[in-house]
């Protein structure tokens, strides 16, 4: 394998890692916003007197809890992908260094 080929793989992996880290950060921000909205709804529930209002707020909270579950699954998948890419990057860096010492 040529050095330029190994370098292109390393560059691609670094880009993928950066993309995964950015996506993970965005998902964490989304989760924080949803949790904040859930907390606000819980406070509003205590003040609510109307049955239809209670049902509406409970329905919104359930949808938000589903969103939290989706975000958690997405975070888990991103973490696995990130770990895989980091391991591949370390392997490619080792190959690149080995090629440099043999040339």
Protein backbone atom coordinates (compact mmCIF):
# COMPACT_ATOMS: atom_id res chain seq x y z
CA UNK A 1 0.00 0.00 0.00
CA UNK A 2 1.42 3.37 -0.92
CA UNK A 3 1.91 6.12 1.62
CA UNK A 4 -0.51 8.44 -0.17
CA UNK A 5 -3.23 5.75 -0.04
CA UNK A 6 -2.68 5.26 3.68
CA UNK A 7 -2.70 9.03 4.19
CA UNK A 8 -6.02 9.36 2.36
CA UNK A 9 -7.53 6.66 4.58
CA UNK A 10 -6.22 8.46 7.67
CA UNK A 11 -7.68 11.77 6.45
CA UNK A 12 -11.05 10.15 5.73
CA UNK A 13 -11.15 8.52 9.17
CA UNK A 14 -10.27 11.80 10.87
CA UNK A 15 -13.10 13.52 8.99
CA UNK A 16 -15.57 10.78 9.93
CA UNK A 17 -14.50 11.00 13.58
CA UNK A 18 -14.96 14.78 13.57
CA UNK A 19 -18.40 14.39 11.95
CA UNK A 20 -19.46 11.78 14.51
CA UNK A 21 -18.29 13.98 17.38
CA UNK A 22 -20.23 16.93 15.98
CA UNK A 23 -23.38 14.82 15.55
CA UNK A 24 -23.01 13.54 19.10
CA UNK A 25 -22.68 17.08 20.43
CA UNK A 26 -25.78 18.17 18.50
CA UNK A 27 -27.75 15.20 19.85
CA UNK A 28 -26.70 16.07 23.42
CA UNK A 29 -27.95 19.63 22.92
CA UNK A 30 -31.27 18.32 21.56
CA UNK A 31 -31.62 16.01 24.54
CA UNK A 32 -30.95 18.86 26.97
CA UNK A 33 -33.64 20.98 25.28
CA UNK A 34 -36.19 18.17 25.36
CA UNK A 35 -35.44 17.46 29.03
CA UNK A 36 -35.90 21.14 29.79
CA UNK A 37 -39.27 21.12 28.03
CA UNK A 38 -40.31 18.01 29.97
CA UNK A 39 -39.42 19.70 33.24
CA UNK A 40 -41.43 22.77 32.26
CA UNK A 41 -44.43 20.60 31.38
CA UNK A 42 -44.17 18.82 34.72
CA UNK A 43 -44.29 22.18 36.51
CA UNK A 44 -47.25 23.22 34.35
CA UNK A 45 -49.08 19.98 35.15
CA UNK A 46 -49.12 20.89 38.84
CA UNK A 47 -50.85 24.17 38.03
CA UNK A 48 -53.32 22.77 35.52
CA UNK A 49 -56.96 22.27 36.47
CA UNK A 50 -58.48 21.25 33.15
CA UNK A 51 -58.70 17.55 32.25
CA UNK A 52 -58.18 18.24 28.56
CA UNK A 53 -55.15 20.38 29.39
CA UNK A 54 -53.76 17.55 31.51
CA UNK A 55 -54.27 15.06 28.69
CA UNK A 56 -52.64 17.37 26.18
CA UNK A 57 -49.61 17.94 28.39
CA UNK A 58 -49.28 14.25 29.19
CA UNK A 59 -49.42 13.44 25.49
CA UNK A 60 -46.70 16.00 24.74
CA UNK A 61 -44.56 14.60 27.58
CA UNK A 62 -44.92 11.08 26.20
CA UNK A 63 -43.82 12.26 22.75
CA UNK A 64 -40.84 14.00 24.31
CA UNK A 65 -39.91 10.87 26.25
CA UNK A 66 -39.98 8.94 22.97
CA UNK A 67 -37.69 11.59 21.48
CA UNK A 68 -35.30 11.09 24.41
CA UNK A 69 -35.27 7.34 23.71
CA UNK A 70 -34.55 8.01 20.02
CA UNK A 71 -31.71 10.37 20.93
CA UNK A 72 -30.25 7.80 23.35
CA UNK A 73 -30.30 5.13 20.63
CA UNK A 74 -28.69 7.54 18.20
CA UNK A 75 -26.01 8.41 20.77
CA UNK A 76 -25.27 4.72 21.32
CA UNK A 77 -24.90 4.13 17.58
CA UNK A 78 -22.67 7.19 17.22
CA UNK A 79 -20.51 6.00 20.12
CA UNK A 80 -20.04 2.60 18.50
CA UNK A 81 -19.20 4.18 15.14
CA UNK A 82 -16.79 6.59 16.81
CA UNK A 83 -14.99 3.79 18.64
CA UNK A 84 -14.76 1.76 15.43
CA UNK A 85 -13.35 4.69 13.47
CA UNK A 86 -10.87 5.56 16.21
CA UNK A 87 -9.60 1.98 16.27
CA UNK A 88 -9.30 1.97 12.48
CA UNK A 89 -7.46 5.29 12.63
CA UNK A 90 -4.95 3.93 15.13
CA UNK A 91 -4.39 0.89 12.90
CA UNK A 92 -3.85 3.08 9.84
CA UNK A 93 -1.49 5.40 11.72
CA UNK A 94 0.54 2.38 12.81
CA UNK A 95 0.67 1.12 9.19
CA UNK A 96 1.69 4.58 8.00
CA UNK A 97 4.49 4.79 10.55
CA UNK A 98 5.65 1.27 9.67
CA UNK A 99 5.76 2.19 5.97
CA UNK A 100 7.75 5.34 6.72
CA UNK A 101 10.36 3.40 8.66
CA UNK A 102 10.73 0.78 5.91
CA UNK A 103 11.13 3.39 3.17
